[in-house]
Amino acid sequence: MGWLAKRRLRTGPTAALPAKPDRAELLRVVRLADPDAREDGGDIVAADVRVYAPVEAEPELVGGELEKLWACRVAAEGPLPFDYFDRYLAEGLAFRLGGLAVCRGEVTDPSDDGHGGGPAVVLPARPAAEELLELLEGEVEQEEEFVFNAGGIRVLVVPEKGQPPAAKELLPFASELTAIELRGDDQAKLGALALSLAESLNGLAVDRWRFRVDSAEDLLPPT
């Protein structure tokens, strides 16, 4: 691998994976972020962002954290559907496939809860506070108009920034694209609540990188 290719991987965003991903599996995971993602030669294109075919790279890319690694560089080729979608795509891929993320020379572990964030429910319109209160379980405290604490889970209702491709099915019905952000220590518990709210409010559960969540286990690092 030439020095320019190595530099591009270090600059990223890059998903550094412990094994070469199966092509079909890589496409499946990318389609959690954009259901219309398509193959283009050996690459995958999702919402004008190209996920390059995995290449074998040297462990120094991640400071020796992985003995062997395959790198998928991510590059925007047009306007992003929301800020940092290319970085989120690399980090989400790394999380789902048990790897690390590299961006501007910095190596991060997406499975590290210390980075904050949690799942969310994307809705086509802002729900009424009373409607949301009825769906929250346990002892519920309303801190502000759209900020709640329910059984140790912090619930925030905020405008959704941009248009996540995973939620494009909601766009024809959207009057005010909204996110219910969930924060807490138990990711499985957060995931269960996100899925429950999504079903009740006709929304879509996503992780913090805006990949679709189909089960609470999707928020746990692969074993």
Protein backbone atom coordinates (compact mmCIF):
# COMPACT_ATOMS: atom_id res chain seq x y z
CA MET A 1 0.00 0.00 0.00
CA GLY A 2 1.41 3.39 -1.02
CA TRP A 3 1.90 6.33 1.33
CA LEU A 4 -1.03 8.24 -0.17
CA ALA A 5 -3.42 5.35 0.42
CA LYS A 6 -2.16 5.03 4.01
CA ARG A 7 -2.64 8.76 4.55
CA ARG A 8 -6.20 8.59 3.27
CA LEU A 9 -6.99 5.75 5.66
CA ARG A 10 -5.55 7.72 8.60
CA THR A 11 -7.47 10.83 7.57
CA GLY A 12 -10.65 8.79 7.21
CA PRO A 13 -13.31 8.44 8.17
CA THR A 14 -12.34 4.78 8.16
CA ALA A 15 -13.84 1.66 9.70
CA ALA A 16 -10.96 -0.57 10.84
CA LEU A 17 -12.25 -4.12 11.13
CA PRO A 18 -10.66 -7.23 12.69
CA ALA A 19 -11.59 -9.43 9.72
CA LYS A 20 -12.52 -8.94 6.09
CA PRO A 21 -16.29 -8.52 6.04
CA ASP A 22 -18.40 -10.61 3.72
CA ARG A 23 -19.57 -8.40 0.88
CA ALA A 24 -23.24 -9.24 1.40
CA GLU A 25 -22.93 -8.59 5.14
CA LEU A 26 -21.24 -5.24 4.56
CA LEU A 27 -24.05 -4.19 2.22
CA ARG A 28 -26.65 -5.36 4.74
CA VAL A 29 -25.12 -3.23 7.49
CA VAL A 30 -24.77 -0.15 5.28
CA ARG A 31 -28.43 -0.51 4.32
CA LEU A 32 -29.34 -0.09 7.98
CA ALA A 33 -28.12 3.50 7.52
CA ASP A 34 -29.52 3.90 4.01
CA PRO A 35 -31.98 1.29 2.72
CA ASP A 36 -31.24 2.45 -0.84
CA ALA A 37 -27.49 1.81 -0.59
CA ARG A 38 -26.18 0.06 -3.68
CA GLU A 39 -23.09 -1.70 -4.89
CA ASP A 40 -20.85 0.15 -7.32
CA GLY A 41 -18.09 -2.15 -8.49
CA GLY A 42 -16.35 -3.29 -5.32
CA ASP A 43 -17.64 -0.29 -3.36
CA ILE A 44 -20.97 0.62 -1.78
CA VAL A 45 -22.64 4.00 -2.25
CA ALA A 46 -25.06 5.32 0.37
CA ALA A 47 -26.61 8.79 0.01
CA ASP A 48 -23.70 10.18 -2.04
CA VAL A 49 -21.17 8.68 0.37
CA ARG A 50 -18.85 5.96 -0.91
CA VAL A 51 -17.77 3.07 1.29
CA TYR A 52 -14.67 1.74 -0.39
CA ALA A 53 -14.08 -1.99 -0.64
CA PRO A 54 -12.12 -3.30 2.36
CA VAL A 55 -8.35 -3.42 2.01
CA GLU A 56 -5.87 -5.13 4.28
CA ALA A 57 -3.99 -2.55 6.35
CA GLU A 58 -1.16 -2.49 8.86
CA PRO A 59 -1.87 -2.57 12.62
CA GLU A 60 -0.18 0.81 13.01
CA LEU A 61 -3.32 2.40 11.54
CA VAL A 62 -5.00 1.80 14.92
CA GLY A 63 -1.90 2.00 17.09
CA GLY A 64 -1.56 -1.76 17.26
CA GLU A 65 -4.97 -2.22 18.89
CA LEU A 66 -5.78 -4.89 16.30
CA GLU A 67 -3.29 -7.55 15.21
CA LYS A 68 -4.81 -7.79 11.76
CA LEU A 69 -7.23 -5.40 10.18
CA TRP A 70 -9.21 -4.59 7.09
CA ALA A 71 -10.00 -0.97 6.43
CA CYS A 72 -13.08 0.50 4.75
CA ARG A 73 -12.56 4.16 3.94
CA VAL A 74 -15.65 6.35 3.70
CA ALA A 75 -15.74 9.44 1.48
CA ALA A 76 -18.48 11.96 0.69
CA GLU A 77 -19.11 12.52 -3.02
CA GLY A 78 -21.96 15.00 -2.68
CA PRO A 79 -24.04 16.88 -0.10
CA LEU A 80 -24.46 14.98 3.16
CA PRO A 81 -28.04 14.25 4.33
CA PHE A 82 -26.99 15.49 7.77
CA ASP A 83 -23.79 16.76 9.36
CA TYR A 84 -21.06 14.14 9.81
CA PHE A 85 -23.02 11.39 8.04
CA ASP A 86 -19.77 10.08 6.55
CA ARG A 87 -18.15 9.84 9.99
CA TYR A 88 -21.28 8.30 11.50
CA LEU A 89 -21.30 5.72 8.71
CA ALA A 90 -17.70 4.70 9.46
CA GLU A 91 -18.31 4.57 13.22
CA GLY A 92 -21.58 2.67 12.84
CA LEU A 93 -19.92 0.11 10.58
CA ALA A 94 -17.06 -0.29 13.04
CA PHE A 95 -19.49 -0.82 15.92
CA ARG A 96 -21.68 -3.35 14.11
CA LEU A 97 -18.66 -5.31 12.85
CA GLY A 98 -16.58 -5.24 16.04
CA GLY A 99 -13.90 -2.81 14.92
CA LEU A 100 -12.50 0.66 15.53
CA ALA A 101 -13.01 4.00 13.81
CA VAL A 102 -10.28 6.30 12.52
CA CYS A 103 -10.89 9.95 11.71
CA ARG A 104 -8.23 12.63 11.24
CA GLY A 105 -5.66 10.33 12.79
CA GLU A 106 -7.71 9.73 15.95
CA VAL A 107 -8.64 6.14 16.79
CA THR A 108 -11.86 5.56 18.72
CA ASP A 109 -13.75 2.52 19.92
CA PRO A 110 -17.45 3.03 19.09
CA SER A 111 -18.41 0.44 21.72
CA ASP A 112 -16.99 2.66 24.47
CA ASP A 113 -19.99 4.14 26.30
CA GLY A 114 -17.80 7.00 27.46
CA HIS A 115 -18.45 8.78 24.17
CA GLY A 116 -22.05 9.38 25.24
CA GLY A 117 -25.08 9.16 23.06
CA GLY A 118 -27.77 6.55 22.83
CA PRO A 119 -30.61 5.39 20.64
CA ALA A 120 -33.35 7.64 19.37
CA VAL A 121 -36.79 7.40 17.83
CA VAL A 122 -37.26 9.48 14.69
CA LEU A 123 -40.83 10.72 14.20
CA PRO A 124 -42.55 12.62 11.39
CA ALA A 125 -43.99 15.12 13.88
CA ARG A 126 -43.43 16.23 17.46
CA PRO A 127 -45.63 14.26 19.87
CA ALA A 128 -47.67 16.01 22.54
CA ALA A 129 -46.05 15.86 25.97
CA GLU A 130 -49.18 14.19 27.37
CA GLU A 131 -49.04 11.49 24.69
CA LEU A 132 -45.41 10.72 25.46
CA LEU A 133 -46.01 10.66 29.21
CA GLU A 134 -48.57 7.89 28.78
CA LEU A 135 -45.99 5.72 27.01
CA LEU A 136 -43.17 6.05 29.52
CA GLU A 137 -42.89 3.39 32.21
CA GLY A 138 -41.98 3.59 35.87
CA GLU A 139 -41.78 6.76 37.91
CA VAL A 140 -41.75 9.64 35.44
CA GLU A 141 -40.50 13.11 36.27
CA GLN A 142 -41.01 15.95 33.81
CA GLU A 143 -38.00 18.25 34.14
CA GLU A 144 -38.94 20.63 31.32
CA GLU A 145 -41.64 20.74 28.66
CA PHE A 146 -39.95 18.08 26.53
CA VAL A 147 -37.40 16.62 28.94
CA PHE A 148 -38.35 13.65 31.10
CA ASN A 149 -36.73 11.16 33.45
CA ALA A 150 -38.39 7.76 33.38
CA GLY A 151 -36.99 5.00 35.57
CA GLY A 152 -33.43 6.28 35.24
CA ILE A 153 -33.72 6.96 31.51
CA ARG A 154 -33.43 10.54 30.35
CA VAL A 155 -35.84 11.32 27.51
CA LEU A 156 -35.35 14.42 25.36
CA VAL A 157 -37.60 15.51 22.49
CA VAL A 158 -35.65 17.62 19.99
CA PRO A 159 -35.82 18.58 16.31
CA GLU A 160 -34.06 16.00 14.14
CA LYS A 161 -31.08 17.57 12.38
CA GLY A 162 -31.05 16.90 8.67
CA GLN A 163 -32.74 13.92 7.07
CA PRO A 164 -31.26 10.54 8.07
CA PRO A 165 -31.53 8.19 5.08
CA ALA A 166 -32.67 5.38 7.40
CA ALA A 167 -35.83 7.38 8.10
CA LYS A 168 -36.64 8.37 4.51
CA GLU A 169 -39.90 6.40 4.64
CA LEU A 170 -41.15 8.98 7.16
CA LEU A 171 -40.34 12.02 5.04
CA PRO A 172 -43.55 12.09 2.93
CA PHE A 173 -45.53 12.40 6.17
CA ALA A 174 -43.15 14.71 8.02
CA SER A 175 -44.38 18.08 9.20
CA GLU A 176 -41.57 18.49 11.73
CA LEU A 177 -39.02 15.68 11.76
CA THR A 178 -38.40 15.01 15.44
CA ALA A 179 -36.13 12.79 17.52
CA ILE A 180 -36.80 11.33 20.94
CA GLU A 181 -33.27 10.93 22.29
CA LEU A 182 -32.76 8.35 25.05
CA ARG A 183 -29.87 8.43 27.52
CA GLY A 184 -28.93 5.96 30.23
CA ASP A 185 -26.44 3.30 31.30
CA ASP A 186 -28.30 0.17 30.18
CA GLN A 187 -28.19 0.04 26.38
CA ALA A 188 -30.49 -2.98 26.16
CA LYS A 189 -33.08 -1.17 28.28
CA LEU A 190 -32.74 1.93 26.12
CA GLY A 191 -33.18 -0.18 23.00
CA ALA A 192 -36.33 -1.83 24.32
CA LEU A 193 -37.85 1.57 25.11
CA ALA A 194 -36.85 2.95 21.70
CA LEU A 195 -38.54 0.06 19.91
CA SER A 196 -41.66 0.38 22.05
CA LEU A 197 -41.94 4.13 21.41
CA ALA A 198 -41.31 3.65 17.69
CA GLU A 199 -44.16 1.15 17.45
CA SER A 200 -46.58 3.28 19.45
CA LEU A 201 -45.76 6.55 17.66
CA ASN A 202 -45.25 5.19 14.12
CA GLY A 203 -41.60 6.16 14.12
CA LEU A 204 -38.24 4.50 13.53
CA ALA A 205 -35.77 3.37 16.18
CA VAL A 206 -32.15 4.20 15.34
CA ASP A 207 -28.81 4.04 17.13
CA ARG A 208 -26.68 7.11 17.78
CA TRP A 209 -25.16 6.82 14.30
CA ARG A 210 -28.65 6.76 12.75
CA PHE A 211 -28.53 3.08 11.77
CA ARG A 212 -31.90 1.34 12.02
CA VAL A 213 -32.40 -0.71 15.18
CA ASP A 214 -34.42 -3.92 14.84
CA SER A 215 -33.80 -5.36 18.31
CA ALA A 216 -32.43 -4.13 21.62
CA GLU A 217 -29.36 -6.33 21.07
CA ASP A 218 -28.38 -4.13 18.11
CA LEU A 219 -27.14 -1.60 20.67
CA LEU A 220 -24.74 -4.09 22.25
CA PRO A 221 -21.24 -4.72 20.87
CA PRO A 222 -20.98 -7.95 18.86
CA THR A 223 -19.55 -10.89 20.77
